[in-house]
Amino acid sequence: MDDDDDVREALFDLLQVEGFSALTFADGAALLAHAAALDFDCIITDVRMAGVDGLELQRQLRGRGSITPVIFITSSVEDLTRTQALQEGACAWFTKPVADEALLEAMRIALGRSGGGAPGR
């Protein structure tokens, strides 16, 4: 999830090519309004978005009982924000631009898969 259309599209394309099924959302409010908001296997989000930002999204998901792994990809270099996200349960934090393989490995780990091979559902 990212408020930048180009970033969101590139991430969607990467996930599709790697065998993941994915949905995209422009912001946290859109994801939270989705019927399956608590059923995703992993959420990739930016920190800075209008309305419900990434940190608030993670808080609201946790408040609803979700244990879905959250991975942050952001242009924010604020150590305090990074620390806060990780303390509140984020499983990974990347500063843009992130290498595709690093992101995919973080997803494999978050989903309980490690090592080679294309990830899938």
PDB file of N, CA and C in Angstrom:
ATOM      1  N   MET A   1       0.835  -1.149   0.000  1.00  0.00           N
ATOM      2  CA  MET A   1       0.000   0.000   0.000  1.00  0.00           C
ATOM      3  C   MET A   1       0.891   1.227   0.000  1.00  0.00           C
ATOM      4  N   ASP A   2       0.596   2.112  -0.899  1.00  0.00           N
ATOM      5  CA  ASP A   2       1.374   3.337  -1.028  1.00  0.00           C
ATOM      6  C   ASP A   2       0.486   4.366  -1.682  1.00  0.00           C
ATOM      7  N   ASP A   3       0.647   5.627  -1.302  1.00  0.00           N
ATOM      8  CA  ASP A   3      -0.167   6.668  -1.917  1.00  0.00           C
ATOM      9  C   ASP A   3       0.385   7.108  -3.267  1.00  0.00           C
ATOM     10  N   ASP A   4       1.548   6.616  -3.646  1.00  0.00           N
ATOM     11  CA  ASP A   4       2.147   6.906  -4.946  1.00  0.00           C
ATOM     12  C   ASP A   4       1.740   5.802  -5.923  1.00  0.00           C
ATOM     13  N   ASP A   5       0.976   6.182  -6.954  1.00  0.00           N
ATOM     14  CA  ASP A   5       0.462   5.202  -7.920  1.00  0.00           C
ATOM     15  C   ASP A   5       1.573   4.377  -8.569  1.00  0.00           C
ATOM     16  N   ASP A   6       2.674   5.018  -8.938  1.00  0.00           N
ATOM     17  CA  ASP A   6       3.767   4.308  -9.616  1.00  0.00           C
ATOM     18  C   ASP A   6       4.418   3.277  -8.704  1.00  0.00           C
ATOM     19  N   VAL A   7       4.639   3.644  -7.451  1.00  0.00           N
ATOM     20  CA  VAL A   7       5.238   2.716  -6.492  1.00  0.00           C
ATOM     21  C   VAL A   7       4.291   1.546  -6.259  1.00  0.00           C
ATOM     22  N   ARG A   8       3.023   1.858  -6.084  1.00  0.00           N
ATOM     23  CA  ARG A   8       2.023   0.814  -5.842  1.00  0.00           C
ATOM     24  C   ARG A   8       1.943  -0.158  -7.016  1.00  0.00           C
ATOM     25  N   GLU A   9       1.959   0.357  -8.228  1.00  0.00           N
ATOM     26  CA  GLU A   9       1.886  -0.483  -9.428  1.00  0.00           C
ATOM     27  C   GLU A   9       3.136  -1.352  -9.577  1.00  0.00           C
ATOM     28  N   ALA A  10       4.302  -0.779  -9.314  1.00  0.00           N
ATOM     29  CA  ALA A  10       5.548  -1.545  -9.428  1.00  0.00           C
ATOM     30  C   ALA A  10       5.584  -2.672  -8.401  1.00  0.00           C
ATOM     31  N   LEU A  11       5.156  -2.390  -7.204  1.00  0.00           N
ATOM     32  CA  LEU A  11       5.128  -3.414  -6.170  1.00  0.00           C
ATOM     33  C   LEU A  11       4.130  -4.512  -6.524  1.00  0.00           C
ATOM     34  N   PHE A  12       2.965  -4.125  -7.005  1.00  0.00           N
ATOM     35  CA  PHE A  12       1.961  -5.093  -7.429  1.00  0.00           C
ATOM     36  C   PHE A  12       2.527  -6.003  -8.523  1.00  0.00           C
ATOM     37  N   ASP A  13       3.180  -5.406  -9.521  1.00  0.00           N
ATOM     38  CA  ASP A  13       3.761  -6.184 -10.614  1.00  0.00           C
ATOM     39  C   ASP A  13       4.815  -7.169 -10.103  1.00  0.00           C
ATOM     40  N   LEU A  14       5.684  -6.720  -9.205  1.00  0.00           N
ATOM     41  CA  LEU A  14       6.707  -7.590  -8.637  1.00  0.00           C
ATOM     42  C   LEU A  14       6.069  -8.782  -7.934  1.00  0.00           C
ATOM     43  N   LEU A  15       5.079  -8.533  -7.116  1.00  0.00           N
ATOM     44  CA  LEU A  15       4.433  -9.616  -6.381  1.00  0.00           C
ATOM     45  C   LEU A  15       3.754 -10.603  -7.319  1.00  0.00           C
ATOM     46  N   GLN A  16       3.099 -10.102  -8.347  1.00  0.00           N
ATOM     47  CA  GLN A  16       2.438 -10.972  -9.315  1.00  0.00           C
ATOM     48  C   GLN A  16       3.452 -11.854 -10.041  1.00  0.00           C
ATOM     49  N   VAL A  17       4.555 -11.265 -10.490  1.00  0.00           N
ATOM     50  CA  VAL A  17       5.595 -12.014 -11.194  1.00  0.00           C
ATOM     51  C   VAL A  17       6.174 -13.103 -10.294  1.00  0.00           C
ATOM     52  N   GLU A  18       6.261 -12.833  -9.001  1.00  0.00           N
ATOM     53  CA  GLU A  18       6.835 -13.795  -8.053  1.00  0.00           C
ATOM     54  C   GLU A  18       5.827 -14.820  -7.547  1.00  0.00           C
ATOM     55  N   GLY A  19       4.612 -14.768  -8.058  1.00  0.00           N
ATOM     56  CA  GLY A  19       3.628 -15.784  -7.707  1.00  0.00           C
ATOM     57  C   GLY A  19       2.705 -15.459  -6.555  1.00  0.00           C
ATOM     58  N   PHE A  20       2.761 -14.240  -6.054  1.00  0.00           N
ATOM     59  CA  PHE A  20       1.852 -13.834  -4.988  1.00  0.00           C
ATOM     60  C   PHE A  20       0.577 -13.270  -5.579  1.00  0.00           C
ATOM     61  N   SER A  21      -0.541 -13.518  -4.944  1.00  0.00           N
ATOM     62  CA  SER A  21      -1.739 -12.773  -5.302  1.00  0.00           C
ATOM     63  C   SER A  21      -1.732 -11.533  -4.433  1.00  0.00           C
ATOM     64  N   ALA A  22      -2.138 -10.412  -4.987  1.00  0.00           N
ATOM     65  CA  ALA A  22      -2.028  -9.147  -4.259  1.00  0.00           C
ATOM     66  C   ALA A  22      -3.189  -8.227  -4.581  1.00  0.00           C
ATOM     67  N   LEU A  23      -3.481  -7.370  -3.646  1.00  0.00           N
ATOM     68  CA  LEU A  23      -4.430  -6.276  -3.826  1.00  0.00           C
ATOM     69  C   LEU A  23      -3.689  -5.001  -3.487  1.00  0.00           C
ATOM     70  N   THR A  24      -4.093  -3.889  -4.095  1.00  0.00           N
ATOM     71  CA  THR A  24      -3.462  -2.616  -3.781  1.00  0.00           C
ATOM     72  C   THR A  24      -4.492  -1.656  -3.204  1.00  0.00           C
ATOM     73  N   PHE A  25      -4.005  -0.784  -2.347  1.00  0.00           N
ATOM     74  CA  PHE A  25      -4.832   0.237  -1.727  1.00  0.00           C
ATOM     75  C   PHE A  25      -4.027   1.529  -1.690  1.00  0.00           C
ATOM     76  N   ALA A  26      -4.709   2.660  -1.864  1.00  0.00           N
ATOM     77  CA  ALA A  26      -4.027   3.956  -1.876  1.00  0.00           C
ATOM     78  C   ALA A  26      -3.699   4.454  -0.478  1.00  0.00           C
ATOM     79  N   ASP A  27      -4.407   3.944   0.536  1.00  0.00           N
ATOM     80  CA  ASP A  27      -4.147   4.396   1.899  1.00  0.00           C
ATOM     81  C   ASP A  27      -4.701   3.398   2.907  1.00  0.00           C
ATOM     82  N   GLY A  28      -4.395   3.635   4.165  1.00  0.00           N
ATOM     83  CA  GLY A  28      -4.811   2.736   5.226  1.00  0.00           C
ATOM     84  C   GLY A  28      -6.314   2.631   5.385  1.00  0.00           C
ATOM     85  N   ALA A  29      -7.019   3.732   5.206  1.00  0.00           N
ATOM     86  CA  ALA A  29      -8.474   3.709   5.350  1.00  0.00           C
ATOM     87  C   ALA A  29      -9.107   2.778   4.325  1.00  0.00           C
ATOM     88  N   ALA A  30      -8.586   2.784   3.110  1.00  0.00           N
ATOM     89  CA  ALA A  30      -9.129   1.909   2.067  1.00  0.00           C
ATOM     90  C   ALA A  30      -8.915   0.442   2.426  1.00  0.00           C
ATOM     91  N   LEU A  31      -7.746   0.113   2.958  1.00  0.00           N
ATOM     92  CA  LEU A  31      -7.501  -1.271   3.360  1.00  0.00           C
ATOM     93  C   LEU A  31      -8.421  -1.663   4.512  1.00  0.00           C
ATOM     94  N   LEU A  32      -8.535  -0.809   5.514  1.00  0.00           N
ATOM     95  CA  LEU A  32      -9.368  -1.120   6.671  1.00  0.00           C
ATOM     96  C   LEU A  32     -10.843  -1.275   6.300  1.00  0.00           C
ATOM     97  N   ALA A  33     -11.273  -0.594   5.250  1.00  0.00           N
ATOM     98  CA  ALA A  33     -12.663  -0.691   4.811  1.00  0.00           C
ATOM     99  C   ALA A  33     -12.928  -1.959   4.002  1.00  0.00           C
ATOM    100  N   HIS A  34     -11.876  -2.625   3.551  1.00  0.00           N
ATOM    101  CA  HIS A  34     -12.019  -3.832   2.743  1.00  0.00           C
ATOM    102  C   HIS A  34     -12.537  -4.977   3.609  1.00  0.00           C
ATOM    103  N   ALA A  35     -13.428  -5.764   3.073  1.00  0.00           N
ATOM    104  CA  ALA A  35     -14.063  -6.849   3.828  1.00  0.00           C
ATOM    105  C   ALA A  35     -13.060  -7.847   4.394  1.00  0.00           C
ATOM    106  N   ALA A  36     -11.951  -8.058   3.705  1.00  0.00           N
ATOM    107  CA  ALA A  36     -10.971  -9.058   4.130  1.00  0.00           C
ATOM    108  C   ALA A  36      -9.775  -8.438   4.849  1.00  0.00           C
ATOM    109  N   ALA A  37      -9.941  -7.266   5.421  1.00  0.00           N
ATOM    110  CA  ALA A  37      -8.813  -6.546   6.022  1.00  0.00           C
ATOM    111  C   ALA A  37      -8.046  -7.378   7.044  1.00  0.00           C
ATOM    112  N   LEU A  38      -8.705  -8.279   7.733  1.00  0.00           N
ATOM    113  CA  LEU A  38      -8.027  -9.084   8.747  1.00  0.00           C
ATOM    114  C   LEU A  38      -7.539 -10.416   8.212  1.00  0.00           C
ATOM    115  N   ASP A  39      -7.762 -10.675   6.937  1.00  0.00           N
ATOM    116  CA  ASP A  39      -7.445 -11.977   6.368  1.00  0.00           C
ATOM    117  C   ASP A  39      -6.222 -11.994   5.451  1.00  0.00           C
ATOM    118  N   PHE A  40      -5.527 -10.882   5.319  1.00  0.00           N
ATOM    119  CA  PHE A  40      -4.346 -10.860   4.456  1.00  0.00           C
ATOM    120  C   PHE A  40      -3.207 -11.639   5.100  1.00  0.00           C
ATOM    121  N   ASP A  41      -2.347 -12.225   4.272  1.00  0.00           N
ATOM    122  CA  ASP A  41      -1.202 -12.975   4.768  1.00  0.00           C
ATOM    123  C   ASP A  41      -0.045 -12.062   5.165  1.00  0.00           C
ATOM    124  N   CYS A  42       0.054 -10.909   4.513  1.00  0.00           N
ATOM    125  CA  CYS A  42       1.126  -9.955   4.775  1.00  0.00           C
ATOM    126  C   CYS A  42       0.688  -8.604   4.218  1.00  0.00           C
ATOM    127  N   ILE A  43       1.082  -7.535   4.880  1.00  0.00           N
ATOM    128  CA  ILE A  43       0.762  -6.192   4.410  1.00  0.00           C
ATOM    129  C   ILE A  43       2.069  -5.430   4.236  1.00  0.00           C
ATOM    130  N   ILE A  44       2.218  -4.813   3.070  1.00  0.00           N
ATOM    131  CA  ILE A  44       3.353  -3.950   2.784  1.00  0.00           C
ATOM    132  C   ILE A  44       2.803  -2.540   2.692  1.00  0.00           C
ATOM    133  N   THR A  45       3.354  -1.634   3.479  1.00  0.00           N
ATOM    134  CA  THR A  45       2.796  -0.290   3.518  1.00  0.00           C
ATOM    135  C   THR A  45       3.871   0.783   3.640  1.00  0.00           C
ATOM    136  N   ASP A  46       3.523   1.954   3.194  1.00  0.00           N
ATOM    137  CA  ASP A  46       4.323   3.148   3.403  1.00  0.00           C
ATOM    138  C   ASP A  46       3.984   3.678   4.800  1.00  0.00           C
ATOM    139  N   VAL A  47       4.819   4.525   5.349  1.00  0.00           N
ATOM    140  CA  VAL A  47       4.508   5.168   6.620  1.00  0.00           C
ATOM    141  C   VAL A  47       3.642   6.389   6.376  1.00  0.00           C
ATOM    142  N   ARG A  48       4.088   7.244   5.491  1.00  0.00           N
ATOM    143  CA  ARG A  48       3.429   8.531   5.270  1.00  0.00           C
ATOM    144  C   ARG A  48       2.353   8.418   4.190  1.00  0.00           C
ATOM    145  N   MET A  49       1.119   8.517   4.639  1.00  0.00           N
ATOM    146  CA  MET A  49      -0.030   8.543   3.728  1.00  0.00           C
ATOM    147  C   MET A  49      -1.075   9.447   4.358  1.00  0.00           C
ATOM    148  N   ALA A  50      -1.889  10.061   3.529  1.00  0.00           N
ATOM    149  CA  ALA A  50      -2.969  10.905   4.034  1.00  0.00           C
ATOM    150  C   ALA A  50      -3.970  10.051   4.797  1.00  0.00           C
ATOM    151  N   GLY A  51      -4.617  10.655   5.752  1.00  0.00           N
ATOM    152  CA  GLY A  51      -5.625   9.916   6.520  1.00  0.00           C
ATOM    153  C   GLY A  51      -4.975   8.932   7.458  1.00  0.00           C
ATOM    154  N   VAL A  52      -5.257   7.659   7.266  1.00  0.00           N
ATOM    155  CA  VAL A  52      -4.688   6.604   8.101  1.00  0.00           C
ATOM    156  C   VAL A  52      -3.304   6.258   7.557  1.00  0.00           C
ATOM    157  N   ASP A  53      -2.261   6.673   8.277  1.00  0.00           N
ATOM    158  CA  ASP A  53      -0.902   6.384   7.815  1.00  0.00           C
ATOM    159  C   ASP A  53      -0.521   4.951   8.188  1.00  0.00           C
ATOM    160  N   GLY A  54       0.677   4.535   7.818  1.00  0.00           N
ATOM    161  CA  GLY A  54       1.100   3.161   8.038  1.00  0.00           C
ATOM    162  C   GLY A  54       1.153   2.758   9.500  1.00  0.00           C
ATOM    163  N   LEU A  55       1.650   3.652  10.350  1.00  0.00           N
ATOM    164  CA  LEU A  55       1.717   3.330  11.781  1.00  0.00           C
ATOM    165  C   LEU A  55       0.317   3.171  12.367  1.00  0.00           C
ATOM    166  N   GLU A  56      -0.578   4.075  12.005  1.00  0.00           N
ATOM    167  CA  GLU A  56      -1.949   3.989  12.507  1.00  0.00           C
ATOM    168  C   GLU A  56      -2.646   2.750  11.949  1.00  0.00           C
ATOM    169  N   LEU A  57      -2.378   2.415  10.715  1.00  0.00           N
ATOM    170  CA  LEU A  57      -2.930   1.197  10.126  1.00  0.00           C
ATOM    171  C   LEU A  57      -2.511  -0.011  10.955  1.00  0.00           C
ATOM    172  N   GLN A  58      -1.226  -0.115  11.243  1.00  0.00           N
ATOM    173  CA  GLN A  58      -0.729  -1.237  12.032  1.00  0.00           C
ATOM    174  C   GLN A  58      -1.415  -1.268  13.402  1.00  0.00           C
ATOM    175  N   ARG A  59      -1.554  -0.103  14.045  1.00  0.00           N
ATOM    176  CA  ARG A  59      -2.209  -0.034  15.361  1.00  0.00           C
ATOM    177  C   ARG A  59      -3.658  -0.509  15.279  1.00  0.00           C
ATOM    178  N   GLN A  60      -4.366  -0.043  14.252  1.00  0.00           N
ATOM    179  CA  GLN A  60      -5.771  -0.423  14.127  1.00  0.00           C
ATOM    180  C   GLN A  60      -5.931  -1.914  13.837  1.00  0.00           C
ATOM    181  N   LEU A  61      -5.059  -2.451  13.008  1.00  0.00           N
ATOM    182  CA  LEU A  61      -5.111  -3.891  12.741  1.00  0.00           C
ATOM    183  C   LEU A  61      -4.866  -4.682  14.015  1.00  0.00           C
ATOM    184  N   ARG A  62      -3.847  -4.286  14.773  1.00  0.00           N
ATOM    185  CA  ARG A  62      -3.554  -4.975  16.031  1.00  0.00           C
ATOM    186  C   ARG A  62      -4.732  -4.833  17.000  1.00  0.00           C
ATOM    187  N   GLY A  63      -5.352  -3.657  17.015  1.00  0.00           N
ATOM    188  CA  GLY A  63      -6.509  -3.433  17.870  1.00  0.00           C
ATOM    189  C   GLY A  63      -7.698  -4.311  17.509  1.00  0.00           C
ATOM    190  N   ARG A  64      -7.757  -4.731  16.263  1.00  0.00           N
ATOM    191  CA  ARG A  64      -8.824  -5.627  15.792  1.00  0.00           C
ATOM    192  C   ARG A  64      -8.441  -7.100  15.964  1.00  0.00           C
ATOM    193  N   GLY A  65      -7.279  -7.331  16.544  1.00  0.00           N
ATOM    194  CA  GLY A  65      -6.850  -8.704  16.790  1.00  0.00           C
ATOM    195  C   GLY A  65      -6.019  -9.320  15.685  1.00  0.00           C
ATOM    196  N   SER A  66      -5.635  -8.547  14.685  1.00  0.00           N
ATOM    197  CA  SER A  66      -4.845  -9.074  13.570  1.00  0.00           C
ATOM    198  C   SER A  66      -3.394  -9.302  13.984  1.00  0.00           C
ATOM    199  N   ILE A  67      -2.853 -10.422  13.552  1.00  0.00           N
ATOM    200  CA  ILE A  67      -1.424 -10.702  13.733  1.00  0.00           C
ATOM    201  C   ILE A  67      -0.708 -10.720  12.377  1.00  0.00           C
ATOM    202  N   THR A  68      -1.358 -10.160  11.361  1.00  0.00           N
ATOM    203  CA  THR A  68      -0.803 -10.108  10.012  1.00  0.00           C
ATOM    204  C   THR A  68       0.555  -9.411  10.027  1.00  0.00           C
ATOM    205  N   PRO A  69       1.582 -10.025   9.444  1.00  0.00           N
ATOM    206  CA  PRO A  69       2.885  -9.364   9.362  1.00  0.00           C
ATOM    207  C   PRO A  69       2.789  -8.070   8.556  1.00  0.00           C
ATOM    208  N   VAL A  70       3.446  -7.027   9.040  1.00  0.00           N
ATOM    209  CA  VAL A  70       3.465  -5.736   8.362  1.00  0.00           C
ATOM    210  C   VAL A  70       4.905  -5.396   8.019  1.00  0.00           C
ATOM    211  N   ILE A  71       5.121  -5.059   6.750  1.00  0.00           N
ATOM    212  CA  ILE A  71       6.425  -4.638   6.252  1.00  0.00           C
ATOM    213  C   ILE A  71       6.290  -3.187   5.808  1.00  0.00           C
ATOM    214  N   PHE A  72       7.181  -2.343   6.289  1.00  0.00           N
ATOM    215  CA  PHE A  72       7.178  -0.935   5.901  1.00  0.00           C
ATOM    216  C   PHE A  72       8.236  -0.685   4.841  1.00  0.00           C
ATOM    217  N   ILE A  73       7.830   0.049   3.795  1.00  0.00           N
ATOM    218  CA  ILE A  73       8.752   0.563   2.787  1.00  0.00           C
ATOM    219  C   ILE A  73       8.483   2.056   2.741  1.00  0.00           C
ATOM    220  N   THR A  74       9.479   2.863   3.058  1.00  0.00           N
ATOM    221  CA  THR A  74       9.218   4.283   3.221  1.00  0.00           C
ATOM    222  C   THR A  74      10.418   5.141   2.856  1.00  0.00           C
ATOM    223  N   SER A  75      10.156   6.396   2.599  1.00  0.00           N
ATOM    224  CA  SER A  75      11.238   7.357   2.394  1.00  0.00           C
ATOM    225  C   SER A  75      11.649   7.988   3.722  1.00  0.00           C
ATOM    226  N   SER A  76      10.931   7.677   4.792  1.00  0.00           N
ATOM    227  CA  SER A  76      11.231   8.219   6.111  1.00  0.00           C
ATOM    228  C   SER A  76      12.528   7.624   6.641  1.00  0.00           C
ATOM    229  N   VAL A  77      13.404   8.477   7.113  1.00  0.00           N
ATOM    230  CA  VAL A  77      14.652   8.012   7.707  1.00  0.00           C
ATOM    231  C   VAL A  77      14.687   8.326   9.201  1.00  0.00           C
ATOM    232  N   GLU A  78      13.536   8.575   9.768  1.00  0.00           N
ATOM    233  CA  GLU A  78      13.448   8.926  11.183  1.00  0.00           C
ATOM    234  C   GLU A  78      13.590   7.663  12.039  1.00  0.00           C
ATOM    235  N   ASP A  79      14.651   7.624  12.824  1.00  0.00           N
ATOM    236  CA  ASP A  79      14.895   6.456  13.680  1.00  0.00           C
ATOM    237  C   ASP A  79      13.763   6.223  14.666  1.00  0.00           C
ATOM    238  N   LEU A  80      13.186   7.294  15.198  1.00  0.00           N
ATOM    239  CA  LEU A  80      12.101   7.168  16.160  1.00  0.00           C
ATOM    240  C   LEU A  80      10.891   6.478  15.533  1.00  0.00           C
ATOM    241  N   THR A  81      10.561   6.855  14.296  1.00  0.00           N
ATOM    242  CA  THR A  81       9.431   6.238  13.592  1.00  0.00           C
ATOM    243  C   THR A  81       9.719   4.771  13.324  1.00  0.00           C
ATOM    244  N   ARG A  82      10.931   4.478  12.873  1.00  0.00           N
ATOM    245  CA  ARG A  82      11.325   3.086  12.614  1.00  0.00           C
ATOM    246  C   ARG A  82      11.227   2.260  13.891  1.00  0.00           C
ATOM    247  N   THR A  83      11.786   2.770  14.962  1.00  0.00           N
ATOM    248  CA  THR A  83      11.753   2.069  16.239  1.00  0.00           C
ATOM    249  C   THR A  83      10.327   1.825  16.690  1.00  0.00           C
ATOM    250  N   GLN A  84       9.491   2.842  16.557  1.00  0.00           N
ATOM    251  CA  GLN A  84       8.084   2.721  16.948  1.00  0.00           C
ATOM    252  C   GLN A  84       7.382   1.637  16.137  1.00  0.00           C
ATOM    253  N   ALA A  85       7.584   1.629  14.841  1.00  0.00           N
ATOM    254  CA  ALA A  85       6.946   0.629  13.980  1.00  0.00           C
ATOM    255  C   ALA A  85       7.369  -0.784  14.376  1.00  0.00           C
ATOM    256  N   LEU A  86       8.656  -0.971  14.609  1.00  0.00           N
ATOM    257  CA  LEU A  86       9.161  -2.299  14.969  1.00  0.00           C
ATOM    258  C   LEU A  86       8.695  -2.717  16.359  1.00  0.00           C
ATOM    259  N   GLN A  87       8.669  -1.779  17.301  1.00  0.00           N
ATOM    260  CA  GLN A  87       8.188  -2.106  18.638  1.00  0.00           C
ATOM    261  C   GLN A  87       6.710  -2.471  18.642  1.00  0.00           C
ATOM    262  N   GLU A  88       5.968  -1.901  17.697  1.00  0.00           N
ATOM    263  CA  GLU A  88       4.534  -2.173  17.614  1.00  0.00           C
ATOM    264  C   GLU A  88       4.224  -3.380  16.734  1.00  0.00           C
ATOM    265  N   GLY A  89       5.267  -4.107  16.321  1.00  0.00           N
ATOM    266  CA  GLY A  89       5.046  -5.377  15.664  1.00  0.00           C
ATOM    267  C   GLY A  89       5.405  -5.498  14.204  1.00  0.00           C
ATOM    268  N   ALA A  90       5.950  -4.453  13.584  1.00  0.00           N
ATOM    269  CA  ALA A  90       6.367  -4.584  12.187  1.00  0.00           C
ATOM    270  C   ALA A  90       7.455  -5.645  12.086  1.00  0.00           C
ATOM    271  N   CYS A  91       7.430  -6.421  11.021  1.00  0.00           N
ATOM    272  CA  CYS A  91       8.436  -7.473  10.876  1.00  0.00           C
ATOM    273  C   CYS A  91       9.622  -7.029  10.033  1.00  0.00           C
ATOM    274  N   ALA A  92       9.491  -5.906   9.316  1.00  0.00           N
ATOM    275  CA  ALA A  92      10.614  -5.402   8.519  1.00  0.00           C
ATOM    276  C   ALA A  92      10.401  -3.933   8.199  1.00  0.00           C
ATOM    277  N   TRP A  93      11.498  -3.245   7.954  1.00  0.00           N
ATOM    278  CA  TRP A  93      11.486  -1.813   7.622  1.00  0.00           C
ATOM    279  C   TRP A  93      12.522  -1.584   6.544  1.00  0.00           C
ATOM    280  N   PHE A  94      12.114  -1.010   5.432  1.00  0.00           N
ATOM    281  CA  PHE A  94      13.028  -0.693   4.335  1.00  0.00           C
ATOM    282  C   PHE A  94      12.879   0.772   3.962  1.00  0.00           C
ATOM    283  N   THR A  95      14.009   1.403   3.657  1.00  0.00           N
ATOM    284  CA  THR A  95      13.988   2.758   3.136  1.00  0.00           C
ATOM    285  C   THR A  95      14.013   2.668   1.615  1.00  0.00           C
ATOM    286  N   LYS A  96      13.150   3.461   0.973  1.00  0.00           N
ATOM    287  CA  LYS A  96      13.077   3.473  -0.493  1.00  0.00           C
ATOM    288  C   LYS A  96      14.380   4.017  -1.055  1.00  0.00           C
ATOM    289  N   PRO A  97      14.852   3.490  -2.144  1.00  0.00           N
ATOM    290  CA  PRO A  97      14.329   2.320  -2.853  1.00  0.00           C
ATOM    291  C   PRO A  97      14.827   1.035  -2.188  1.00  0.00           C
ATOM    292  N   VAL A  98      14.010   0.020  -2.228  1.00  0.00           N
ATOM    293  CA  VAL A  98      14.363  -1.265  -1.640  1.00  0.00           C
ATOM    294  C   VAL A  98      14.671  -2.247  -2.771  1.00  0.00           C
ATOM    295  N   ALA A  99      15.677  -3.059  -2.578  1.00  0.00           N
ATOM    296  CA  ALA A  99      16.011  -4.090  -3.560  1.00  0.00           C
ATOM    297  C   ALA A  99      14.911  -5.145  -3.558  1.00  0.00           C
ATOM    298  N   ASP A 100      14.490  -5.550  -4.729  1.00  0.00           N
ATOM    299  CA  ASP A 100      13.409  -6.534  -4.854  1.00  0.00           C
ATOM    300  C   ASP A 100      13.683  -7.786  -4.036  1.00  0.00           C
ATOM    301  N   GLU A 101      14.889  -8.327  -4.139  1.00  0.00           N
ATOM    302  CA  GLU A 101      15.190  -9.582  -3.450  1.00  0.00           C
ATOM    303  C   GLU A 101      15.148  -9.423  -1.932  1.00  0.00           C
ATOM    304  N   ALA A 102      15.563  -8.267  -1.424  1.00  0.00           N
ATOM    305  CA  ALA A 102      15.503  -8.025   0.024  1.00  0.00           C
ATOM    306  C   ALA A 102      14.051  -8.004   0.494  1.00  0.00           C
ATOM    307  N   LEU A 103      13.194  -7.355  -0.265  1.00  0.00           N
ATOM    308  CA  LEU A 103      11.774  -7.322   0.079  1.00  0.00           C
ATOM    309  C   LEU A 103      11.159  -8.711   0.002  1.00  0.00           C
ATOM    310  N   LEU A 104      11.459  -9.437  -1.051  1.00  0.00           N
ATOM    311  CA  LEU A 104      10.903 -10.783  -1.207  1.00  0.00           C
ATOM    312  C   LEU A 104      11.374 -11.717  -0.097  1.00  0.00           C
ATOM    313  N   GLU A 105      12.623 -11.584   0.317  1.00  0.00           N
ATOM    314  CA  GLU A 105      13.117 -12.416   1.414  1.00  0.00           C
ATOM    315  C   GLU A 105      12.406 -12.063   2.718  1.00  0.00           C
ATOM    316  N   ALA A 106      12.175 -10.787   2.964  1.00  0.00           N
ATOM    317  CA  ALA A 106      11.425 -10.381   4.161  1.00  0.00           C
ATOM    318  C   ALA A 106      10.012 -10.952   4.132  1.00  0.00           C
ATOM    319  N   MET A 107       9.418 -10.986   2.951  1.00  0.00           N
ATOM    320  CA  MET A 107       8.081 -11.570   2.828  1.00  0.00           C
ATOM    321  C   MET A 107       8.114 -13.065   3.087  1.00  0.00           C
ATOM    322  N   ARG A 108       9.108 -13.746   2.538  1.00  0.00           N
ATOM    323  CA  ARG A 108       9.225 -15.188   2.772  1.00  0.00           C
ATOM    324  C   ARG A 108       9.358 -15.487   4.268  1.00  0.00           C
ATOM    325  N   ILE A 109      10.169 -14.707   4.933  1.00  0.00           N
ATOM    326  CA  ILE A 109      10.347 -14.889   6.372  1.00  0.00           C
ATOM    327  C   ILE A 109       9.039 -14.600   7.106  1.00  0.00           C
ATOM    328  N   ALA A 110       8.378 -13.504   6.758  1.00  0.00           N
ATOM    329  CA  ALA A 110       7.113 -13.138   7.406  1.00  0.00           C
ATOM    330  C   ALA A 110       6.048 -14.203   7.211  1.00  0.00           C
ATOM    331  N   LEU A 111       6.088 -14.843   6.064  1.00  0.00           N
ATOM    332  CA  LEU A 111       5.095 -15.862   5.746  1.00  0.00           C
ATOM    333  C   LEU A 111       5.542 -17.262   6.182  1.00  0.00           C
ATOM    334  N   GLY A 112       6.696 -17.329   6.827  1.00  0.00           N
ATOM    335  CA  GLY A 112       7.176 -18.616   7.323  1.00  0.00           C
ATOM    336  C   GLY A 112       7.874 -19.443   6.271  1.00  0.00           C
ATOM    337  N   ARG A 113       8.271 -18.809   5.195  1.00  0.00           N
ATOM    338  CA  ARG A 113       8.992 -19.497   4.126  1.00  0.00           C
ATOM    339  C   ARG A 113      10.371 -18.894   4.039  1.00  0.00           C
ATOM    340  N   SER A 114      11.377 -19.700   3.893  1.00  0.00           N
ATOM    341  CA  SER A 114      12.711 -19.160   3.670  1.00  0.00           C
ATOM    342  C   SER A 114      13.411 -19.995   2.612  1.00  0.00           C
ATOM    343  N   GLY A 115      14.473 -19.463   2.130  1.00  0.00           N
ATOM    344  CA  GLY A 115      15.241 -20.167   1.108  1.00  0.00           C
ATOM    345  C   GLY A 115      14.757 -19.872  -0.284  1.00  0.00           C
ATOM    346  N   GLY A 116      15.224 -20.663  -1.221  1.00  0.00           N
ATOM    347  CA  GLY A 116      14.958 -20.418  -2.628  1.00  0.00           C
ATOM    348  C   GLY A 116      13.567 -20.804  -3.054  1.00  0.00           C
ATOM    349  N   GLY A 117      13.348 -20.663  -4.332  1.00  0.00           N
ATOM    350  CA  GLY A 117      12.049 -20.993  -4.902  1.00  0.00           C
ATOM    351  C   GLY A 117      11.129 -19.789  -4.913  1.00  0.00           C
ATOM    352  N   ALA A 118      10.244 -19.780  -5.865  1.00  0.00           N
ATOM    353  CA  ALA A 118       9.291 -18.679  -5.968  1.00  0.00           C
ATOM    354  C   ALA A 118       8.225 -18.823  -4.896  1.00  0.00           C
ATOM    355  N   PRO A 119       7.939 -17.732  -4.188  1.00  0.00           N
ATOM    356  CA  PRO A 119       6.882 -17.796  -3.189  1.00  0.00           C
ATOM    357  C   PRO A 119       5.529 -17.909  -3.860  1.00  0.00           C
ATOM    358  N   GLY A 120       4.626 -18.518  -3.215  1.00  0.00           N
ATOM    359  CA  GLY A 120       3.273 -18.625  -3.730  1.00  0.00           C
ATOM    360  C   GLY A 120       2.316 -18.742  -2.575  1.00  0.00           C
ATOM    361  N   ARG A 121       1.065 -18.883  -2.900  1.00  0.00           N
ATOM    362  CA  ARG A 121       0.069 -18.993  -1.851  1.00  0.00           C
ATOM    363  C   ARG A 121      -0.356 -20.410  -1.701  1.00  0.00           C
TER     364      ARG A 121
END
